[in-house]
Amino acid sequence: MSVAGGSDPYQVLGVPSDADEAAIRSAYRRAVREHPPDRDPEGFERVRDAYEKVRDPAAAAYALLDAPVPDLPTPRVAPMPPPPPYGAAARDLLRTLLASGAIDVEGGRGR
């Protein structure tokens, strides 16, 4: 395998772009055996860079487009308002039930 596959990290590793993790890992290990860092440091560097790009889908997509990965800001979400006090909700429910006659305070039973 030659690692001169250009900037396409899938081509450098010799796998299709829809390869699963096991196939990518296997191709990476095979490429490292063919280009060990002590004998072919440049080839090893290309293989390692390709593997890192393939493992990060966003980086791989930008690598295919030959564009730098933008540093996007983290989206901000408005904080949720605090819930109303549970005592107020229970009090309102009790008032509604009493007003409707669903419960009787004197007898302690509903209709």
Protein backbone atom coordinates (compact mmCIF):
# COMPACT_ATOMS: atom_id res chain seq x y z
CA MET A 1 0.00 0.00 0.00
CA SER A 2 1.23 3.45 -0.80
CA VAL A 3 0.38 6.32 1.51
CA ALA A 4 0.74 8.83 -1.29
CA GLY A 5 -3.04 8.71 -1.71
CA GLY A 6 -3.43 12.46 -1.57
CA SER A 7 -5.44 14.33 0.98
CA ASP A 8 -8.31 11.80 1.12
CA PRO A 9 -7.75 10.01 4.44
CA TYR A 10 -9.86 7.03 3.35
CA GLN A 11 -7.67 6.60 0.28
CA VAL A 12 -4.50 6.84 2.40
CA LEU A 13 -5.81 4.03 4.60
CA GLY A 14 -7.14 2.08 1.62
CA VAL A 15 -10.74 1.82 2.85
CA PRO A 16 -14.02 3.02 1.35
CA SER A 17 -15.59 6.14 2.85
CA ASP A 18 -18.43 4.06 4.32
CA ALA A 19 -16.09 1.64 6.14
CA ASP A 20 -16.98 0.73 9.70
CA GLU A 21 -14.71 1.23 12.72
CA ALA A 22 -13.35 -2.34 12.64
CA ALA A 23 -12.31 -2.05 8.98
CA ILE A 24 -10.70 1.34 9.58
CA ARG A 25 -8.80 0.07 12.62
CA SER A 26 -7.63 -3.00 10.70
CA ALA A 27 -6.48 -0.88 7.75
CA TYR A 28 -4.65 1.47 10.12
CA ARG A 29 -2.79 -1.40 11.78
CA ARG A 30 -1.86 -2.86 8.39
CA ALA A 31 -0.62 0.55 7.19
CA VAL A 32 1.47 1.04 10.36
CA ARG A 33 3.12 -2.36 9.80
CA GLU A 34 3.96 -1.29 6.24
CA HIS A 35 5.17 2.16 7.34
CA PRO A 36 6.71 1.79 10.81
CA PRO A 37 7.79 5.06 12.42
CA ASP A 38 11.43 4.02 12.75
CA ARG A 39 11.84 3.13 9.04
CA ASP A 40 9.35 5.42 7.29
CA PRO A 41 8.55 8.39 9.56
CA GLU A 42 6.90 10.41 6.76
CA GLY A 43 4.69 7.51 5.68
CA PHE A 44 3.80 6.78 9.28
CA GLU A 45 2.90 10.44 9.83
CA ARG A 46 0.55 10.41 6.80
CA VAL A 47 -1.08 7.17 7.98
CA ARG A 48 -1.52 8.48 11.52
CA ASP A 49 -2.96 11.81 10.29
CA ALA A 50 -5.37 9.96 7.98
CA TYR A 51 -6.49 7.71 10.84
CA GLU A 52 -7.12 10.68 13.13
CA LYS A 53 -9.15 12.44 10.42
CA VAL A 54 -11.23 9.34 9.71
CA ARG A 55 -11.97 8.87 13.41
CA ASP A 56 -13.29 12.47 13.60
CA PRO A 57 -16.10 12.70 11.00
CA ALA A 58 -16.13 16.51 10.95
CA ALA A 59 -12.38 16.66 10.35
CA ALA A 60 -12.68 13.97 7.65
CA ALA A 61 -15.43 15.91 5.86
CA TYR A 62 -13.36 19.09 5.85
CA ALA A 63 -10.28 17.14 4.76
CA LEU A 64 -12.20 15.85 1.74
CA LEU A 65 -13.07 19.45 0.90
CA ASP A 66 -9.49 20.58 1.52
CA ALA A 67 -10.82 23.19 3.91
CA PRO A 68 -9.68 23.91 7.44
CA VAL A 69 -11.99 22.86 10.23
CA PRO A 70 -13.63 26.04 11.52
CA ASP A 71 -13.54 26.89 15.17
CA LEU A 72 -17.28 27.25 15.77
CA PRO A 73 -18.60 28.87 18.93
CA THR A 74 -20.57 26.75 21.33
CA PRO A 75 -24.28 27.45 20.88
CA ARG A 76 -25.85 29.21 23.80
CA VAL A 77 -29.21 28.10 25.07
CA ALA A 78 -31.37 30.32 27.20
CA PRO A 79 -31.67 28.96 30.73
CA MET A 80 -35.02 27.53 31.73
CA PRO A 81 -36.99 29.54 34.26
CA PRO A 82 -37.24 27.98 37.69
CA PRO A 83 -40.40 25.97 38.34
CA PRO A 84 -43.08 27.57 40.48
CA PRO A 85 -43.05 26.63 44.14
CA TYR A 86 -44.75 23.28 44.64
CA GLY A 87 -46.73 24.68 47.55
CA ALA A 88 -48.46 27.21 45.29
CA ALA A 89 -49.38 24.54 42.74
CA ALA A 90 -50.79 22.24 45.41
CA ARG A 91 -52.72 25.14 46.99
CA ASP A 92 -54.22 26.14 43.63
CA LEU A 93 -55.21 22.54 42.89
CA LEU A 94 -56.84 22.19 46.31
CA ARG A 95 -58.78 25.45 45.84
CA THR A 96 -60.00 24.29 42.44
CA LEU A 97 -61.12 20.93 43.83
CA LEU A 98 -62.87 22.58 46.77
CA ALA A 99 -64.61 25.13 44.56
CA SER A 100 -65.85 22.43 42.18
CA GLY A 101 -67.19 20.33 45.02
CA ALA A 102 -65.05 17.35 44.06
CA ILE A 103 -64.03 17.04 47.70
CA ASP A 104 -65.98 17.83 50.81
CA VAL A 105 -64.06 19.15 53.78
CA GLU A 106 -66.79 18.31 56.25
CA GLY A 107 -67.34 14.70 55.26
CA GLY A 108 -63.92 14.08 53.76
CA ARG A 109 -65.35 12.36 50.71
CA GLY A 110 -65.82 13.30 47.10
CA ARG A 111 -69.06 13.10 45.20
